[in-house]
């Protein structure tokens, strides 16, 4: 259990969650129990006074790269992937508001019937009022992933850190699910990630975080309460930042 006396390390964060996380143990789509679990973690963060925004991938519904690999035109496939992220954002908004967390969805592709258009200053105002803002539809452009969208929004919102919630508890030398000998890094620099091709995020996203000097915190979002623990400096995770890692 997290130490409730420990203050959060960051004032404003962007949480990037892959679409695959929302599948839970199902092979496809949205698992409502998993969405609810993530929503409860987010609610804890908001109650602690931290301003939080979200970017959710769409790989649980449709992945543009996979569609392009099967012969679809890449731009069309990417736009379909963006629409999948809107579906995930609406599901997360519903889960958050059912537990009393005020939430706004802003889409990079205008669709006024279901959500707000992305407006930077409006999003910042929502955060200042304690609302969770979910950024949907990526950057609104094909050929860019939701990793890049998360990095872009983190920079625009002047976030103190970008938290990437995955199914593993940090960055490893190899895939720990396939290689039992893989070692976890406690700390890396942006250049370490790029030079070693560690696939923490897309290279363009890592480069943008480096230029904005915003640390990336990689952790497992599957454990209930992990997000709040990591925010307080507890638990297991990897930090990617500008300074050199200690020996």
C-alpha atoms as a PDB file:
ATOM      1  CA  UNK A   1       0.000   0.000   0.000  1.00  0.00           C
ATOM      2  CA  UNK A   2       1.265   3.494  -0.894  1.00  0.00           C
ATOM      3  CA  UNK A   3       2.421   5.845   1.837  1.00  0.00           C
ATOM      4  CA  UNK A   4      -0.310   8.484   1.883  1.00  0.00           C
ATOM      5  CA  UNK A   5       2.058  10.961   3.552  1.00  0.00           C
ATOM      6  CA  UNK A   6       4.438  10.993   0.593  1.00  0.00           C
ATOM      7  CA  UNK A   7       3.682  13.998  -1.651  1.00  0.00           C
ATOM      8  CA  UNK A   8       3.420  13.518  -5.437  1.00  0.00           C
ATOM      9  CA  UNK A   9       6.679  14.245  -7.277  1.00  0.00           C
ATOM     10  CA  UNK A  10       4.973  16.088 -10.145  1.00  0.00           C
ATOM     11  CA  UNK A  11       2.318  18.800 -10.349  1.00  0.00           C
ATOM     12  CA  UNK A  12       0.994  17.997 -13.848  1.00  0.00           C
ATOM     13  CA  UNK A  13       1.462  14.789 -15.809  1.00  0.00           C
ATOM     14  CA  UNK A  14       0.352  13.232 -19.062  1.00  0.00           C
ATOM     15  CA  UNK A  15      -0.527   9.548 -18.823  1.00  0.00           C
ATOM     16  CA  UNK A  16      -0.105   7.537 -22.019  1.00  0.00           C
ATOM     17  CA  UNK A  17      -1.956   4.220 -22.013  1.00  0.00           C
ATOM     18  CA  UNK A  18      -1.719   1.765 -24.891  1.00  0.00           C
ATOM     19  CA  UNK A  19      -4.967   0.547 -26.366  1.00  0.00           C
ATOM     20  CA  UNK A  20      -3.868  -3.037 -25.721  1.00  0.00           C
ATOM     21  CA  UNK A  21      -3.967  -2.379 -21.967  1.00  0.00           C
ATOM     22  CA  UNK A  22      -7.724  -1.757 -22.211  1.00  0.00           C
ATOM     23  CA  UNK A  23      -8.267  -5.252 -23.640  1.00  0.00           C
ATOM     24  CA  UNK A  24      -7.507  -6.792 -20.255  1.00  0.00           C
ATOM     25  CA  UNK A  25      -7.479 -10.562 -20.745  1.00  0.00           C
ATOM     26  CA  UNK A  26      -9.723 -10.417 -23.804  1.00  0.00           C
ATOM     27  CA  UNK A  27      -8.303 -10.810 -27.327  1.00  0.00           C
ATOM     28  CA  UNK A  28      -9.935  -7.698 -28.753  1.00  0.00           C
ATOM     29  CA  UNK A  29     -11.926  -4.583 -27.861  1.00  0.00           C
ATOM     30  CA  UNK A  30     -12.595  -2.869 -24.543  1.00  0.00           C
ATOM     31  CA  UNK A  31     -12.713  -4.764 -21.239  1.00  0.00           C
ATOM     32  CA  UNK A  32     -14.937  -2.672 -18.962  1.00  0.00           C
ATOM     33  CA  UNK A  33     -13.344  -4.013 -15.773  1.00  0.00           C
ATOM     34  CA  UNK A  34      -9.895  -2.938 -16.949  1.00  0.00           C
ATOM     35  CA  UNK A  35     -11.161   0.505 -17.978  1.00  0.00           C
ATOM     36  CA  UNK A  36     -12.757   0.850 -14.543  1.00  0.00           C
ATOM     37  CA  UNK A  37      -9.502  -0.109 -12.820  1.00  0.00           C
ATOM     38  CA  UNK A  38      -7.515   2.498 -14.773  1.00  0.00           C
ATOM     39  CA  UNK A  39     -10.227   5.087 -14.062  1.00  0.00           C
ATOM     40  CA  UNK A  40      -9.989   4.414 -10.321  1.00  0.00           C
ATOM     41  CA  UNK A  41      -6.214   4.881 -10.459  1.00  0.00           C
ATOM     42  CA  UNK A  42      -6.686   8.182 -12.290  1.00  0.00           C
ATOM     43  CA  UNK A  43      -9.276   9.286  -9.708  1.00  0.00           C
ATOM     44  CA  UNK A  44      -6.719   8.725  -6.930  1.00  0.00           C
ATOM     45  CA  UNK A  45      -4.247  10.976  -8.730  1.00  0.00           C
ATOM     46  CA  UNK A  46      -6.797  13.745  -9.194  1.00  0.00           C
ATOM     47  CA  UNK A  47      -7.806  13.574  -5.511  1.00  0.00           C
ATOM     48  CA  UNK A  48      -4.135  13.980  -4.554  1.00  0.00           C
ATOM     49  CA  UNK A  49      -4.143  17.357  -6.306  1.00  0.00           C
ATOM     50  CA  UNK A  50      -2.186  16.417  -9.413  1.00  0.00           C
ATOM     51  CA  UNK A  51      -3.398  17.744 -12.762  1.00  0.00           C
ATOM     52  CA  UNK A  52      -3.661  14.864 -15.235  1.00  0.00           C
ATOM     53  CA  UNK A  53      -4.298  14.495 -18.945  1.00  0.00           C
ATOM     54  CA  UNK A  54      -4.524  11.276 -20.924  1.00  0.00           C
ATOM     55  CA  UNK A  55      -3.670   9.890 -24.341  1.00  0.00           C
ATOM     56  CA  UNK A  56      -4.984   6.407 -25.114  1.00  0.00           C
ATOM     57  CA  UNK A  57      -3.877   4.324 -28.085  1.00  0.00           C
ATOM     58  CA  UNK A  58      -6.279   2.474 -30.366  1.00  0.00           C
ATOM     59  CA  UNK A  59      -4.496  -0.837 -30.920  1.00  0.00           C
ATOM     60  CA  UNK A  60      -7.212  -2.801 -29.109  1.00  0.00           C
ATOM     61  CA  UNK A  61      -9.644  -1.839 -31.888  1.00  0.00           C
ATOM     62  CA  UNK A  62      -7.600  -0.970 -34.985  1.00  0.00           C
ATOM     63  CA  UNK A  63      -3.946  -0.303 -35.670  1.00  0.00           C
ATOM     64  CA  UNK A  64      -3.079   1.756 -38.732  1.00  0.00           C
ATOM     65  CA  UNK A  65       0.285   0.080 -39.324  1.00  0.00           C
ATOM     66  CA  UNK A  66      -1.337  -3.362 -39.303  1.00  0.00           C
ATOM     67  CA  UNK A  67      -4.005  -2.218 -41.715  1.00  0.00           C
ATOM     68  CA  UNK A  68      -1.388  -0.750 -44.051  1.00  0.00           C
ATOM     69  CA  UNK A  69       0.587  -3.992 -43.892  1.00  0.00           C
ATOM     70  CA  UNK A  70      -2.476  -5.839 -45.181  1.00  0.00           C
ATOM     71  CA  UNK A  71      -2.726  -3.627 -48.229  1.00  0.00           C
ATOM     72  CA  UNK A  72      -4.743  -0.621 -47.079  1.00  0.00           C
ATOM     73  CA  UNK A  73      -3.595   2.825 -48.068  1.00  0.00           C
ATOM     74  CA  UNK A  74      -1.567   4.073 -45.086  1.00  0.00           C
ATOM     75  CA  UNK A  75      -3.377   7.387 -44.595  1.00  0.00           C
ATOM     76  CA  UNK A  76      -6.798   5.723 -44.576  1.00  0.00           C
ATOM     77  CA  UNK A  77      -5.578   3.062 -42.145  1.00  0.00           C
ATOM     78  CA  UNK A  78      -4.131   5.708 -39.825  1.00  0.00           C
ATOM     79  CA  UNK A  79      -7.356   7.722 -39.828  1.00  0.00           C
ATOM     80  CA  UNK A  80      -9.249   4.578 -38.849  1.00  0.00           C
ATOM     81  CA  UNK A  81      -6.787   4.115 -35.988  1.00  0.00           C
ATOM     82  CA  UNK A  82      -7.438   7.697 -34.871  1.00  0.00           C
ATOM     83  CA  UNK A  83     -11.167   7.004 -34.729  1.00  0.00           C
ATOM     84  CA  UNK A  84     -10.436   3.952 -32.572  1.00  0.00           C
ATOM     85  CA  UNK A  85      -8.693   6.220 -30.048  1.00  0.00           C
ATOM     86  CA  UNK A  86     -11.849   8.355 -29.852  1.00  0.00           C
ATOM     87  CA  UNK A  87     -13.867   5.262 -28.940  1.00  0.00           C
ATOM     88  CA  UNK A  88     -11.391   4.431 -26.164  1.00  0.00           C
ATOM     89  CA  UNK A  89     -11.432   8.035 -24.941  1.00  0.00           C
ATOM     90  CA  UNK A  90     -15.227   8.035 -24.676  1.00  0.00           C
ATOM     91  CA  UNK A  91     -15.148   4.729 -22.784  1.00  0.00           C
ATOM     92  CA  UNK A  92     -12.611   6.160 -20.322  1.00  0.00           C
ATOM     93  CA  UNK A  93     -14.594   9.391 -19.962  1.00  0.00           C
ATOM     94  CA  UNK A  94     -17.709   7.396 -19.073  1.00  0.00           C
ATOM     95  CA  UNK A  95     -15.816   5.320 -16.481  1.00  0.00           C
ATOM     96  CA  UNK A  96     -14.275   8.434 -14.892  1.00  0.00           C
ATOM     97  CA  UNK A  97     -17.487  10.410 -14.705  1.00  0.00           C
ATOM     98  CA  UNK A  98     -19.345   7.470 -13.158  1.00  0.00           C
ATOM     99  CA  UNK A  99     -16.964   7.730 -10.184  1.00  0.00           C
ATOM    100  CA  UNK A 100     -17.237  11.493  -9.940  1.00  0.00           C
ATOM    101  CA  UNK A 101     -14.214  12.713 -11.920  1.00  0.00           C
ATOM    102  CA  UNK A 102     -14.972  15.635 -14.236  1.00  0.00           C
ATOM    103  CA  UNK A 103     -13.577  14.787 -17.658  1.00  0.00           C
ATOM    104  CA  UNK A 104     -13.341  16.365 -21.089  1.00  0.00           C
ATOM    105  CA  UNK A 105     -12.462  14.648 -24.357  1.00  0.00           C
ATOM    106  CA  UNK A 106     -10.714  16.793 -26.951  1.00  0.00           C
ATOM    107  CA  UNK A 107     -10.234  15.378 -30.438  1.00  0.00           C
ATOM    108  CA  UNK A 108      -7.626  16.455 -32.967  1.00  0.00           C
ATOM    109  CA  UNK A 109     -10.234  15.533 -35.621  1.00  0.00           C
ATOM    110  CA  UNK A 110     -13.293  17.762 -35.034  1.00  0.00           C
ATOM    111  CA  UNK A 111     -16.453  15.817 -34.174  1.00  0.00           C
ATOM    112  CA  UNK A 112     -18.569  18.278 -32.217  1.00  0.00           C
ATOM    113  CA  UNK A 113     -21.411  15.843 -31.556  1.00  0.00           C
ATOM    114  CA  UNK A 114     -19.336  13.665 -29.214  1.00  0.00           C
ATOM    115  CA  UNK A 115     -16.421  15.771 -27.936  1.00  0.00           C
ATOM    116  CA  UNK A 116     -14.638  19.108 -27.973  1.00  0.00           C
ATOM    117  CA  UNK A 117     -12.122  20.051 -30.657  1.00  0.00           C
ATOM    118  CA  UNK A 118      -8.533  20.258 -29.438  1.00  0.00           C
ATOM    119  CA  UNK A 119      -7.839  23.828 -28.271  1.00  0.00           C
ATOM    120  CA  UNK A 120      -4.633  24.197 -26.274  1.00  0.00           C
ATOM    121  CA  UNK A 121      -5.667  27.056 -24.004  1.00  0.00           C
ATOM    122  CA  UNK A 122      -9.054  25.481 -23.288  1.00  0.00           C
ATOM    123  CA  UNK A 123      -7.350  22.201 -22.365  1.00  0.00           C
ATOM    124  CA  UNK A 124      -4.998  24.054 -20.014  1.00  0.00           C
ATOM    125  CA  UNK A 125      -7.969  25.752 -18.368  1.00  0.00           C
ATOM    126  CA  UNK A 126      -9.707  22.400 -17.850  1.00  0.00           C
ATOM    127  CA  UNK A 127      -6.580  21.077 -16.128  1.00  0.00           C
ATOM    128  CA  UNK A 128      -6.354  24.143 -13.892  1.00  0.00           C
ATOM    129  CA  UNK A 129      -9.959  23.480 -12.817  1.00  0.00           C
ATOM    130  CA  UNK A 130      -9.090  19.924 -11.803  1.00  0.00           C
ATOM    131  CA  UNK A 131     -10.683  18.197 -14.777  1.00  0.00           C
ATOM    132  CA  UNK A 132      -9.075  15.261 -16.550  1.00  0.00           C
ATOM    133  CA  UNK A 133      -8.535  15.965 -20.249  1.00  0.00           C
ATOM    134  CA  UNK A 134      -8.377  13.015 -22.648  1.00  0.00           C
ATOM    135  CA  UNK A 135      -6.707  13.845 -25.955  1.00  0.00           C
ATOM    136  CA  UNK A 136      -8.105  11.708 -28.769  1.00  0.00           C
ATOM    137  CA  UNK A 137      -7.397  11.158 -32.473  1.00  0.00           C
ATOM    138  CA  UNK A 138      -3.630  11.400 -32.098  1.00  0.00           C
ATOM    139  CA  UNK A 139      -2.146  14.482 -33.726  1.00  0.00           C
ATOM    140  CA  UNK A 140      -4.902  14.487 -36.343  1.00  0.00           C
ATOM    141  CA  UNK A 141      -2.354  13.524 -38.999  1.00  0.00           C
ATOM    142  CA  UNK A 142      -1.497  10.171 -40.584  1.00  0.00           C
ATOM    143  CA  UNK A 143       2.007   8.724 -40.238  1.00  0.00           C
ATOM    144  CA  UNK A 144       2.224   9.800 -36.578  1.00  0.00           C
ATOM    145  CA  UNK A 145       1.597   7.441 -33.669  1.00  0.00           C
ATOM    146  CA  UNK A 146      -0.168   8.083 -30.371  1.00  0.00           C
ATOM    147  CA  UNK A 147       3.289   8.039 -28.728  1.00  0.00           C
ATOM    148  CA  UNK A 148       4.159  11.126 -30.739  1.00  0.00           C
ATOM    149  CA  UNK A 149       0.761  12.625 -29.922  1.00  0.00           C
ATOM    150  CA  UNK A 150       1.388  12.018 -26.204  1.00  0.00           C
ATOM    151  CA  UNK A 151       4.786  13.719 -26.392  1.00  0.00           C
ATOM    152  CA  UNK A 152       3.330  16.653 -28.321  1.00  0.00           C
ATOM    153  CA  UNK A 153       0.453  17.169 -25.877  1.00  0.00           C
ATOM    154  CA  UNK A 154       2.778  16.801 -22.869  1.00  0.00           C
ATOM    155  CA  UNK A 155       4.935  19.602 -24.279  1.00  0.00           C
ATOM    156  CA  UNK A 156       1.951  21.792 -25.147  1.00  0.00           C
ATOM    157  CA  UNK A 157       0.388  21.322 -21.701  1.00  0.00           C
ATOM    158  CA  UNK A 158       3.763  22.052 -20.054  1.00  0.00           C
ATOM    159  CA  UNK A 159       3.615  18.774 -18.144  1.00  0.00           C
ATOM    160  CA  UNK A 160       6.250  17.918 -15.568  1.00  0.00           C
ATOM    161  CA  UNK A 161       6.466  14.304 -16.754  1.00  0.00           C
ATOM    162  CA  UNK A 162       5.060  11.843 -19.268  1.00  0.00           C
ATOM    163  CA  UNK A 163       3.967   8.574 -17.638  1.00  0.00           C
ATOM    164  CA  UNK A 164       3.757   5.597 -19.983  1.00  0.00           C
ATOM    165  CA  UNK A 165       1.591   2.822 -18.535  1.00  0.00           C
ATOM    166  CA  UNK A 166       2.431  -0.554 -20.068  1.00  0.00           C
ATOM    167  CA  UNK A 167       2.099  -4.252 -19.250  1.00  0.00           C
ATOM    168  CA  UNK A 168       5.687  -4.437 -17.890  1.00  0.00           C
ATOM    169  CA  UNK A 169       7.256  -2.550 -14.977  1.00  0.00           C
ATOM    170  CA  UNK A 170       9.860  -0.538 -16.864  1.00  0.00           C
ATOM    171  CA  UNK A 171      12.357  -0.642 -19.709  1.00  0.00           C
ATOM    172  CA  UNK A 172      14.368  -3.852 -20.155  1.00  0.00           C
ATOM    173  CA  UNK A 173      17.404  -4.879 -22.168  1.00  0.00           C
ATOM    174  CA  UNK A 174      15.074  -7.267 -24.057  1.00  0.00           C
ATOM    175  CA  UNK A 175      11.425  -8.295 -23.948  1.00  0.00           C
ATOM    176  CA  UNK A 176      11.070  -9.806 -20.441  1.00  0.00           C
ATOM    177  CA  UNK A 177       8.111 -11.894 -21.629  1.00  0.00           C
ATOM    178  CA  UNK A 178      10.373 -13.675 -24.117  1.00  0.00           C
ATOM    179  CA  UNK A 179      13.799 -13.424 -22.471  1.00  0.00           C
ATOM    180  CA  UNK A 180      13.909 -14.407 -18.770  1.00  0.00           C
ATOM    181  CA  UNK A 181      17.447 -13.002 -18.577  1.00  0.00           C
ATOM    182  CA  UNK A 182      16.377  -9.479 -19.556  1.00  0.00           C
ATOM    183  CA  UNK A 183      17.482  -6.794 -17.090  1.00  0.00           C
ATOM    184  CA  UNK A 184      15.468  -3.737 -16.132  1.00  0.00           C
ATOM    185  CA  UNK A 185      16.974  -0.271 -16.258  1.00  0.00           C
ATOM    186  CA  UNK A 186      16.300   2.055 -13.323  1.00  0.00           C
ATOM    187  CA  UNK A 187      17.342   5.136 -15.261  1.00  0.00           C
ATOM    188  CA  UNK A 188      18.275   6.001 -18.834  1.00  0.00           C
ATOM    189  CA  UNK A 189      19.017   9.122 -20.837  1.00  0.00           C
ATOM    190  CA  UNK A 190      17.102  10.042 -23.969  1.00  0.00           C
ATOM    191  CA  UNK A 191      20.216   9.324 -26.012  1.00  0.00           C
ATOM    192  CA  UNK A 192      20.586   5.883 -24.398  1.00  0.00           C
ATOM    193  CA  UNK A 193      17.075   5.016 -25.556  1.00  0.00           C
ATOM    194  CA  UNK A 194      17.701   6.243 -29.091  1.00  0.00           C
ATOM    195  CA  UNK A 195      21.190   4.741 -29.439  1.00  0.00           C
ATOM    196  CA  UNK A 196      20.166   1.336 -28.051  1.00  0.00           C
ATOM    197  CA  UNK A 197      16.855   1.337 -29.960  1.00  0.00           C
ATOM    198  CA  UNK A 198      15.024   0.317 -26.783  1.00  0.00           C
ATOM    199  CA  UNK A 199      11.563   1.074 -28.217  1.00  0.00           C
ATOM    200  CA  UNK A 200      10.321   2.872 -25.120  1.00  0.00           C
ATOM    201  CA  UNK A 201       8.416   5.180 -27.447  1.00  0.00           C
ATOM    202  CA  UNK A 202       8.807   6.196 -31.051  1.00  0.00           C
ATOM    203  CA  UNK A 203      12.087   7.952 -31.786  1.00  0.00           C
ATOM    204  CA  UNK A 204      10.253  11.160 -32.705  1.00  0.00           C
ATOM    205  CA  UNK A 205       8.434  11.112 -29.333  1.00  0.00           C
ATOM    206  CA  UNK A 206      11.672  10.533 -27.396  1.00  0.00           C
ATOM    207  CA  UNK A 207      13.407  13.331 -29.318  1.00  0.00           C
ATOM    208  CA  UNK A 208      10.561  15.737 -28.547  1.00  0.00           C
ATOM    209  CA  UNK A 209      10.721  14.850 -24.841  1.00  0.00           C
ATOM    210  CA  UNK A 210      14.478  15.432 -24.928  1.00  0.00           C
ATOM    211  CA  UNK A 211      14.051  18.835 -26.573  1.00  0.00           C
ATOM    212  CA  UNK A 212      11.329  19.755 -24.036  1.00  0.00           C
ATOM    213  CA  UNK A 213      13.319  18.284 -21.120  1.00  0.00           C
ATOM    214  CA  UNK A 214      10.291  16.309 -19.924  1.00  0.00           C
ATOM    215  CA  UNK A 215      11.134  12.982 -18.214  1.00  0.00           C
ATOM    216  CA  UNK A 216       9.445   9.763 -19.339  1.00  0.00           C
ATOM    217  CA  UNK A 217       8.384   7.371 -16.570  1.00  0.00           C
ATOM    218  CA  UNK A 218       7.686   3.814 -17.744  1.00  0.00           C
ATOM    219  CA  UNK A 219       5.759   1.548 -15.362  1.00  0.00           C
ATOM    220  CA  UNK A 220       3.177  -1.233 -15.258  1.00  0.00           C
ATOM    221  CA  UNK A 221      -0.353   0.117 -15.100  1.00  0.00           C
ATOM    222  CA  UNK A 222      -1.842  -3.344 -14.605  1.00  0.00           C
ATOM    223  CA  UNK A 223      -1.347  -3.373 -10.837  1.00  0.00           C
ATOM    224  CA  UNK A 224      -4.068  -1.499  -8.947  1.00  0.00           C
ATOM    225  CA  UNK A 225      -2.545   1.558  -7.261  1.00  0.00           C
ATOM    226  CA  UNK A 226       0.722   1.421  -9.223  1.00  0.00           C
ATOM    227  CA  UNK A 227       0.155   4.832 -10.778  1.00  0.00           C
ATOM    228  CA  UNK A 228      -0.159   6.625  -7.453  1.00  0.00           C
ATOM    229  CA  UNK A 229       2.791   4.703  -6.016  1.00  0.00           C
ATOM    230  CA  UNK A 230       5.074   5.602  -8.901  1.00  0.00           C
ATOM    231  CA  UNK A 231       3.924   9.214  -8.751  1.00  0.00           C
ATOM    232  CA  UNK A 232       5.180   9.251  -5.140  1.00  0.00           C
ATOM    233  CA  UNK A 233       8.495   7.651  -6.079  1.00  0.00           C
ATOM    234  CA  UNK A 234       7.572   4.161  -4.878  1.00  0.00           C
ATOM    235  CA  UNK A 235       7.414   0.824  -6.667  1.00  0.00           C
ATOM    236  CA  UNK A 236       9.265  -0.340  -9.749  1.00  0.00           C
ATOM    237  CA  UNK A 237       9.690   1.794 -12.846  1.00  0.00           C
ATOM    238  CA  UNK A 238      12.228   3.275 -15.263  1.00  0.00           C
ATOM    239  CA  UNK A 239      12.902   6.989 -15.690  1.00  0.00           C
ATOM    240  CA  UNK A 240      14.208   8.378 -18.973  1.00  0.00           C
ATOM    241  CA  UNK A 241      15.671  11.833 -18.413  1.00  0.00           C
ATOM    242  CA  UNK A 242      18.493  14.146 -19.455  1.00  0.00           C
ATOM    243  CA  UNK A 243      21.062  13.368 -16.775  1.00  0.00           C
ATOM    244  CA  UNK A 244      23.377  10.397 -16.945  1.00  0.00           C
ATOM    245  CA  UNK A 245      22.262   7.253 -15.112  1.00  0.00           C
ATOM    246  CA  UNK A 246      24.164   6.457 -11.929  1.00  0.00           C
ATOM    247  CA  UNK A 247      26.284   3.317 -11.827  1.00  0.00           C
END
